[in-house]
């Protein structure tokens, strides 16, 4: 969703935001007295500057480094979370994001299957004063494409091959595997079935990797 929004004009963004706020008002009334206050210009500026999201490779690097200065929040339902979730994630379903599990001073990265629901939760949390809130760009869909199941390029340049080798190491680390690129004109290849999430709270660093400094998770 963030990629799509970034290509819109300011007037188009304002129109999308106006429509979205009507839907968010319904969502916000689920909890008693939510009082969501949104500064549209600030939100749109944040999206335009790409300050609203973390990319899948960035998140993967944080996990490999063992960083503890953020909370990774899966907003899907408990069943989907149990079937697969990104290592280190905690499950806070979309309708429960305002129920007190998240602190306003926490650095929060939200994700769902795609980008829409996470963007909705991001906007509501921003309106409630959660200023350090981000989304995983394009959610689990992008996590699968860019981290778990990267595509092996055809006729790749040396730079592309080096980039793919790095992607391959990340895929192996998270229990994924590479895919061969589809031939020209062929149907896109289906993604392999996701296995259960690795049963590790903090992953072991690959050989030669250095961990960044671990910080105490901030409370509310």
C-alpha atoms as a PDB file:
ATOM      1  CA  UNK A   1       0.000   0.000   0.000  1.00  0.00           C
ATOM      2  CA  UNK A   2       2.821   2.412   0.846  1.00  0.00           C
ATOM      3  CA  UNK A   3       4.324   1.880  -2.620  1.00  0.00           C
ATOM      4  CA  UNK A   4       0.969   2.642  -4.241  1.00  0.00           C
ATOM      5  CA  UNK A   5       0.378   5.760  -2.144  1.00  0.00           C
ATOM      6  CA  UNK A   6       3.828   7.125  -2.944  1.00  0.00           C
ATOM      7  CA  UNK A   7       2.846   7.406  -6.634  1.00  0.00           C
ATOM      8  CA  UNK A   8      -0.307   9.463  -5.977  1.00  0.00           C
ATOM      9  CA  UNK A   9      -0.552  13.236  -6.200  1.00  0.00           C
ATOM     10  CA  UNK A  10      -1.189  15.169  -2.982  1.00  0.00           C
ATOM     11  CA  UNK A  11      -4.860  15.706  -3.916  1.00  0.00           C
ATOM     12  CA  UNK A  12      -5.280  12.006  -4.652  1.00  0.00           C
ATOM     13  CA  UNK A  13      -3.666  11.126  -1.326  1.00  0.00           C
ATOM     14  CA  UNK A  14      -5.991  13.481   0.513  1.00  0.00           C
ATOM     15  CA  UNK A  15      -8.972  11.876  -1.213  1.00  0.00           C
ATOM     16  CA  UNK A  16      -7.822   8.386  -0.229  1.00  0.00           C
ATOM     17  CA  UNK A  17      -7.188   9.572   3.307  1.00  0.00           C
ATOM     18  CA  UNK A  18     -10.675  11.097   3.582  1.00  0.00           C
ATOM     19  CA  UNK A  19     -12.249   7.797   2.516  1.00  0.00           C
ATOM     20  CA  UNK A  20     -10.009   5.833   4.861  1.00  0.00           C
ATOM     21  CA  UNK A  21     -10.805   8.007   7.856  1.00  0.00           C
ATOM     22  CA  UNK A  22     -14.497   7.233   7.467  1.00  0.00           C
ATOM     23  CA  UNK A  23     -13.709   3.531   7.737  1.00  0.00           C
ATOM     24  CA  UNK A  24     -11.284   4.063  10.604  1.00  0.00           C
ATOM     25  CA  UNK A  25     -13.955   5.928  12.584  1.00  0.00           C
ATOM     26  CA  UNK A  26     -16.006   2.732  12.656  1.00  0.00           C
ATOM     27  CA  UNK A  27     -12.973   0.708  13.727  1.00  0.00           C
ATOM     28  CA  UNK A  28     -12.033   3.237  16.408  1.00  0.00           C
ATOM     29  CA  UNK A  29     -15.459   3.002  18.053  1.00  0.00           C
ATOM     30  CA  UNK A  30     -14.900  -0.664  18.907  1.00  0.00           C
ATOM     31  CA  UNK A  31     -13.178   0.348  22.156  1.00  0.00           C
ATOM     32  CA  UNK A  32     -14.823   2.750  24.621  1.00  0.00           C
ATOM     33  CA  UNK A  33     -13.685   6.362  24.315  1.00  0.00           C
ATOM     34  CA  UNK A  34     -10.923   5.952  21.706  1.00  0.00           C
ATOM     35  CA  UNK A  35     -10.901   9.600  20.485  1.00  0.00           C
ATOM     36  CA  UNK A  36      -8.601   9.243  17.484  1.00  0.00           C
ATOM     37  CA  UNK A  37      -7.112  12.556  16.354  1.00  0.00           C
ATOM     38  CA  UNK A  38      -5.301  12.504  13.009  1.00  0.00           C
ATOM     39  CA  UNK A  39      -3.146  15.221  11.448  1.00  0.00           C
ATOM     40  CA  UNK A  40      -3.633  14.390   7.769  1.00  0.00           C
ATOM     41  CA  UNK A  41      -0.754  16.541   6.518  1.00  0.00           C
ATOM     42  CA  UNK A  42       1.722  15.003   8.961  1.00  0.00           C
ATOM     43  CA  UNK A  43       0.664  11.469   8.022  1.00  0.00           C
ATOM     44  CA  UNK A  44       0.884  12.138   4.295  1.00  0.00           C
ATOM     45  CA  UNK A  45       4.278  13.804   4.695  1.00  0.00           C
ATOM     46  CA  UNK A  46       5.513  10.765   6.621  1.00  0.00           C
ATOM     47  CA  UNK A  47       4.294   8.438   3.854  1.00  0.00           C
ATOM     48  CA  UNK A  48       5.794  10.633   1.115  1.00  0.00           C
ATOM     49  CA  UNK A  49       9.167  10.635   2.872  1.00  0.00           C
ATOM     50  CA  UNK A  50       8.926   6.857   3.335  1.00  0.00           C
ATOM     51  CA  UNK A  51       9.195   7.279   7.087  1.00  0.00           C
ATOM     52  CA  UNK A  52       6.151   5.100   7.729  1.00  0.00           C
ATOM     53  CA  UNK A  53       7.627   1.697   6.988  1.00  0.00           C
ATOM     54  CA  UNK A  54      10.456  -0.808   7.345  1.00  0.00           C
ATOM     55  CA  UNK A  55      11.366  -3.007   4.365  1.00  0.00           C
ATOM     56  CA  UNK A  56      11.528  -6.814   4.691  1.00  0.00           C
ATOM     57  CA  UNK A  57      15.333  -6.931   4.179  1.00  0.00           C
ATOM     58  CA  UNK A  58      15.759  -4.243   6.849  1.00  0.00           C
ATOM     59  CA  UNK A  59      13.620  -6.200   9.312  1.00  0.00           C
ATOM     60  CA  UNK A  60      15.486  -9.421   8.474  1.00  0.00           C
ATOM     61  CA  UNK A  61      18.790  -7.674   9.239  1.00  0.00           C
ATOM     62  CA  UNK A  62      17.429  -6.463  12.597  1.00  0.00           C
ATOM     63  CA  UNK A  63      16.447 -10.020  13.523  1.00  0.00           C
ATOM     64  CA  UNK A  64      19.814 -11.446  12.472  1.00  0.00           C
ATOM     65  CA  UNK A  65      21.592  -8.776  14.518  1.00  0.00           C
ATOM     66  CA  UNK A  66      19.497  -9.688  17.545  1.00  0.00           C
ATOM     67  CA  UNK A  67      18.173  -6.161  18.019  1.00  0.00           C
ATOM     68  CA  UNK A  68      15.755  -5.720  20.916  1.00  0.00           C
ATOM     69  CA  UNK A  69      14.834  -2.046  20.539  1.00  0.00           C
ATOM     70  CA  UNK A  70      11.525  -2.622  18.747  1.00  0.00           C
ATOM     71  CA  UNK A  71       8.342  -4.696  18.959  1.00  0.00           C
ATOM     72  CA  UNK A  72       7.278  -6.706  15.924  1.00  0.00           C
ATOM     73  CA  UNK A  73       3.482  -6.984  15.978  1.00  0.00           C
ATOM     74  CA  UNK A  74       1.469  -9.433  13.865  1.00  0.00           C
ATOM     75  CA  UNK A  75      -2.082  -8.034  13.560  1.00  0.00           C
ATOM     76  CA  UNK A  76      -3.627 -11.169  12.004  1.00  0.00           C
ATOM     77  CA  UNK A  77      -5.872 -13.536  13.930  1.00  0.00           C
ATOM     78  CA  UNK A  78      -4.499 -16.163  16.306  1.00  0.00           C
ATOM     79  CA  UNK A  79      -4.981 -19.031  13.832  1.00  0.00           C
ATOM     80  CA  UNK A  80      -2.985 -17.334  11.086  1.00  0.00           C
ATOM     81  CA  UNK A  81      -0.319 -16.356  13.609  1.00  0.00           C
ATOM     82  CA  UNK A  82      -0.010 -19.969  14.829  1.00  0.00           C
ATOM     83  CA  UNK A  83       0.369 -21.259  11.265  1.00  0.00           C
ATOM     84  CA  UNK A  84       3.272 -18.932  10.515  1.00  0.00           C
ATOM     85  CA  UNK A  85       4.722 -15.697  11.847  1.00  0.00           C
ATOM     86  CA  UNK A  86       7.994 -13.862  11.502  1.00  0.00           C
ATOM     87  CA  UNK A  87      10.443 -14.911  14.250  1.00  0.00           C
ATOM     88  CA  UNK A  88      10.201 -12.654  17.281  1.00  0.00           C
ATOM     89  CA  UNK A  89       6.707 -11.375  16.455  1.00  0.00           C
ATOM     90  CA  UNK A  90       3.920 -11.076  19.008  1.00  0.00           C
ATOM     91  CA  UNK A  91       0.260 -11.458  18.140  1.00  0.00           C
ATOM     92  CA  UNK A  92      -1.988  -8.430  18.706  1.00  0.00           C
ATOM     93  CA  UNK A  93      -5.028  -8.830  16.397  1.00  0.00           C
ATOM     94  CA  UNK A  94      -6.174  -5.734  14.522  1.00  0.00           C
ATOM     95  CA  UNK A  95      -9.279  -5.135  16.658  1.00  0.00           C
ATOM     96  CA  UNK A  96      -7.132  -5.273  19.823  1.00  0.00           C
ATOM     97  CA  UNK A  97      -4.366  -2.790  19.018  1.00  0.00           C
ATOM     98  CA  UNK A  98      -5.913  -0.161  21.316  1.00  0.00           C
ATOM     99  CA  UNK A  99      -6.562  -2.543  24.217  1.00  0.00           C
ATOM    100  CA  UNK A 100      -3.388  -1.665  26.142  1.00  0.00           C
ATOM    101  CA  UNK A 101      -0.882  -4.277  24.962  1.00  0.00           C
ATOM    102  CA  UNK A 102       1.165  -1.620  23.132  1.00  0.00           C
ATOM    103  CA  UNK A 103       2.868   1.339  24.766  1.00  0.00           C
ATOM    104  CA  UNK A 104       2.964   4.822  23.281  1.00  0.00           C
ATOM    105  CA  UNK A 105       6.743   5.025  23.644  1.00  0.00           C
ATOM    106  CA  UNK A 106       7.390   1.602  22.091  1.00  0.00           C
ATOM    107  CA  UNK A 107       8.995   1.370  18.676  1.00  0.00           C
ATOM    108  CA  UNK A 108       6.386  -0.767  16.909  1.00  0.00           C
ATOM    109  CA  UNK A 109       6.540  -2.510  13.518  1.00  0.00           C
ATOM    110  CA  UNK A 110       3.120  -3.754  12.382  1.00  0.00           C
ATOM    111  CA  UNK A 111       2.465  -6.366   9.735  1.00  0.00           C
ATOM    112  CA  UNK A 112      -0.386  -8.380   8.237  1.00  0.00           C
ATOM    113  CA  UNK A 113      -0.687 -10.504   5.115  1.00  0.00           C
ATOM    114  CA  UNK A 114      -0.448  -7.471   2.830  1.00  0.00           C
ATOM    115  CA  UNK A 115      -0.145  -3.765   3.576  1.00  0.00           C
ATOM    116  CA  UNK A 116      -3.737  -2.535   3.964  1.00  0.00           C
ATOM    117  CA  UNK A 117      -4.671  -3.683   7.475  1.00  0.00           C
ATOM    118  CA  UNK A 118      -1.280  -2.737   8.885  1.00  0.00           C
ATOM    119  CA  UNK A 119      -1.676   0.733   7.364  1.00  0.00           C
ATOM    120  CA  UNK A 120      -5.082   1.048   9.019  1.00  0.00           C
ATOM    121  CA  UNK A 121      -3.653   0.086  12.401  1.00  0.00           C
ATOM    122  CA  UNK A 122      -0.698   2.440  11.825  1.00  0.00           C
ATOM    123  CA  UNK A 123      -3.014   5.384  11.213  1.00  0.00           C
ATOM    124  CA  UNK A 124      -5.182   4.669  14.261  1.00  0.00           C
ATOM    125  CA  UNK A 125      -2.137   4.292  16.511  1.00  0.00           C
ATOM    126  CA  UNK A 126      -0.616   7.492  15.140  1.00  0.00           C
ATOM    127  CA  UNK A 127      -3.879   9.261  15.923  1.00  0.00           C
ATOM    128  CA  UNK A 128      -3.656   8.002  19.511  1.00  0.00           C
ATOM    129  CA  UNK A 129      -0.127   9.340  19.975  1.00  0.00           C
ATOM    130  CA  UNK A 130       1.956   6.237  19.149  1.00  0.00           C
ATOM    131  CA  UNK A 131       4.614   8.243  17.332  1.00  0.00           C
ATOM    132  CA  UNK A 132       7.197   5.458  16.854  1.00  0.00           C
ATOM    133  CA  UNK A 133       4.943   3.186  14.814  1.00  0.00           C
ATOM    134  CA  UNK A 134       5.845   1.713  11.426  1.00  0.00           C
ATOM    135  CA  UNK A 135       4.556  -0.938   9.040  1.00  0.00           C
ATOM    136  CA  UNK A 136       6.397  -3.768   7.320  1.00  0.00           C
ATOM    137  CA  UNK A 137       6.267  -2.691   3.681  1.00  0.00           C
ATOM    138  CA  UNK A 138       3.717  -4.917   1.875  1.00  0.00           C
ATOM    139  CA  UNK A 139       3.562  -7.250   4.886  1.00  0.00           C
ATOM    140  CA  UNK A 140       4.040 -11.016   4.737  1.00  0.00           C
ATOM    141  CA  UNK A 141       3.546 -10.998   0.961  1.00  0.00           C
ATOM    142  CA  UNK A 142       6.775  -9.041   0.563  1.00  0.00           C
ATOM    143  CA  UNK A 143       8.501 -10.993   3.356  1.00  0.00           C
ATOM    144  CA  UNK A 144       7.912 -14.189   1.355  1.00  0.00           C
ATOM    145  CA  UNK A 145       9.078 -12.648  -1.935  1.00  0.00           C
ATOM    146  CA  UNK A 146      12.114 -10.775  -0.658  1.00  0.00           C
ATOM    147  CA  UNK A 147      13.336 -12.810   2.311  1.00  0.00           C
ATOM    148  CA  UNK A 148      11.997 -16.379   2.359  1.00  0.00           C
ATOM    149  CA  UNK A 149      11.740 -17.207  -1.339  1.00  0.00           C
ATOM    150  CA  UNK A 150      13.963 -14.876  -3.390  1.00  0.00           C
ATOM    151  CA  UNK A 151      13.993 -15.372  -7.152  1.00  0.00           C
ATOM    152  CA  UNK A 152      17.232 -16.521  -8.757  1.00  0.00           C
ATOM    153  CA  UNK A 153      17.783 -14.065 -11.633  1.00  0.00           C
ATOM    154  CA  UNK A 154      18.336 -15.165 -15.235  1.00  0.00           C
ATOM    155  CA  UNK A 155      21.370 -13.765 -17.063  1.00  0.00           C
ATOM    156  CA  UNK A 156      22.261 -11.801 -13.950  1.00  0.00           C
ATOM    157  CA  UNK A 157      25.041  -9.245 -13.816  1.00  0.00           C
ATOM    158  CA  UNK A 158      27.844  -9.720 -11.253  1.00  0.00           C
ATOM    159  CA  UNK A 159      26.154  -7.139  -9.015  1.00  0.00           C
ATOM    160  CA  UNK A 160      22.811  -8.940  -9.276  1.00  0.00           C
ATOM    161  CA  UNK A 161      24.458 -12.287  -8.507  1.00  0.00           C
ATOM    162  CA  UNK A 162      26.160 -10.816  -5.439  1.00  0.00           C
ATOM    163  CA  UNK A 163      22.840  -9.349  -4.299  1.00  0.00           C
ATOM    164  CA  UNK A 164      21.124 -12.697  -4.795  1.00  0.00           C
ATOM    165  CA  UNK A 165      23.819 -14.499  -2.806  1.00  0.00           C
ATOM    166  CA  UNK A 166      23.108 -12.219   0.123  1.00  0.00           C
ATOM    167  CA  UNK A 167      19.376 -12.882  -0.286  1.00  0.00           C
ATOM    168  CA  UNK A 168      20.083 -16.608  -0.415  1.00  0.00           C
ATOM    169  CA  UNK A 169      21.892 -16.501   2.926  1.00  0.00           C
ATOM    170  CA  UNK A 170      18.939 -14.685   4.506  1.00  0.00           C
ATOM    171  CA  UNK A 171      16.480 -17.199   3.017  1.00  0.00           C
ATOM    172  CA  UNK A 172      18.445 -20.124   4.478  1.00  0.00           C
ATOM    173  CA  UNK A 173      18.653 -18.398   7.836  1.00  0.00           C
ATOM    174  CA  UNK A 174      14.863 -18.030   8.030  1.00  0.00           C
ATOM    175  CA  UNK A 175      14.076 -21.496   6.683  1.00  0.00           C
ATOM    176  CA  UNK A 176      13.236 -20.409   3.132  1.00  0.00           C
ATOM    177  CA  UNK A 177      14.640 -21.377  -0.237  1.00  0.00           C
ATOM    178  CA  UNK A 178      15.380 -19.656  -3.559  1.00  0.00           C
ATOM    179  CA  UNK A 179      13.139 -19.898  -6.607  1.00  0.00           C
ATOM    180  CA  UNK A 180      14.156 -19.995 -10.242  1.00  0.00           C
ATOM    181  CA  UNK A 181      12.987 -17.061 -12.351  1.00  0.00           C
ATOM    182  CA  UNK A 182      10.001 -17.831 -14.601  1.00  0.00           C
ATOM    183  CA  UNK A 183      10.697 -17.876 -18.318  1.00  0.00           C
ATOM    184  CA  UNK A 184       9.520 -14.891 -20.345  1.00  0.00           C
ATOM    185  CA  UNK A 185       5.758 -15.047 -20.856  1.00  0.00           C
ATOM    186  CA  UNK A 186       5.273 -17.852 -18.338  1.00  0.00           C
ATOM    187  CA  UNK A 187       2.880 -17.640 -15.428  1.00  0.00           C
ATOM    188  CA  UNK A 188       4.452 -16.453 -12.143  1.00  0.00           C
ATOM    189  CA  UNK A 189       5.598 -19.335  -9.977  1.00  0.00           C
ATOM    190  CA  UNK A 190       3.556 -20.102  -6.889  1.00  0.00           C
ATOM    191  CA  UNK A 191       5.269 -19.594  -3.567  1.00  0.00           C
ATOM    192  CA  UNK A 192       6.171 -22.747  -1.608  1.00  0.00           C
ATOM    193  CA  UNK A 193       4.024 -23.534   1.412  1.00  0.00           C
ATOM    194  CA  UNK A 194       5.292 -21.831   4.549  1.00  0.00           C
ATOM    195  CA  UNK A 195       6.566 -24.093   7.266  1.00  0.00           C
ATOM    196  CA  UNK A 196       5.990 -23.312  10.919  1.00  0.00           C
ATOM    197  CA  UNK A 197       7.998 -20.399  12.227  1.00  0.00           C
ATOM    198  CA  UNK A 198      11.495 -21.257  13.473  1.00  0.00           C
ATOM    199  CA  UNK A 199      11.309 -22.018  17.187  1.00  0.00           C
ATOM    200  CA  UNK A 200      13.904 -19.450  18.173  1.00  0.00           C
ATOM    201  CA  UNK A 201      13.348 -16.261  20.127  1.00  0.00           C
ATOM    202  CA  UNK A 202      16.686 -14.728  19.153  1.00  0.00           C
ATOM    203  CA  UNK A 203      18.294 -16.270  16.057  1.00  0.00           C
ATOM    204  CA  UNK A 204      21.921 -17.374  15.994  1.00  0.00           C
ATOM    205  CA  UNK A 205      24.129 -15.081  13.950  1.00  0.00           C
ATOM    206  CA  UNK A 206      25.624 -16.474  10.729  1.00  0.00           C
ATOM    207  CA  UNK A 207      29.391 -16.960  10.675  1.00  0.00           C
ATOM    208  CA  UNK A 208      31.219 -13.679  10.354  1.00  0.00           C
ATOM    209  CA  UNK A 209      28.199 -11.538  11.225  1.00  0.00           C
ATOM    210  CA  UNK A 210      28.405  -9.013  14.024  1.00  0.00           C
ATOM    211  CA  UNK A 211      25.565  -8.196  16.327  1.00  0.00           C
ATOM    212  CA  UNK A 212      24.587  -4.617  16.960  1.00  0.00           C
ATOM    213  CA  UNK A 213      24.236  -3.354  20.512  1.00  0.00           C
ATOM    214  CA  UNK A 214      21.164  -4.682  22.240  1.00  0.00           C
ATOM    215  CA  UNK A 215      18.934  -2.104  23.826  1.00  0.00           C
ATOM    216  CA  UNK A 216      16.358  -2.528  26.531  1.00  0.00           C
ATOM    217  CA  UNK A 217      12.845  -2.590  25.100  1.00  0.00           C
ATOM    218  CA  UNK A 218      11.058   0.596  25.946  1.00  0.00           C
ATOM    219  CA  UNK A 219       7.905   0.445  27.999  1.00  0.00           C
ATOM    220  CA  UNK A 220       4.818   2.615  27.927  1.00  0.00           C
END
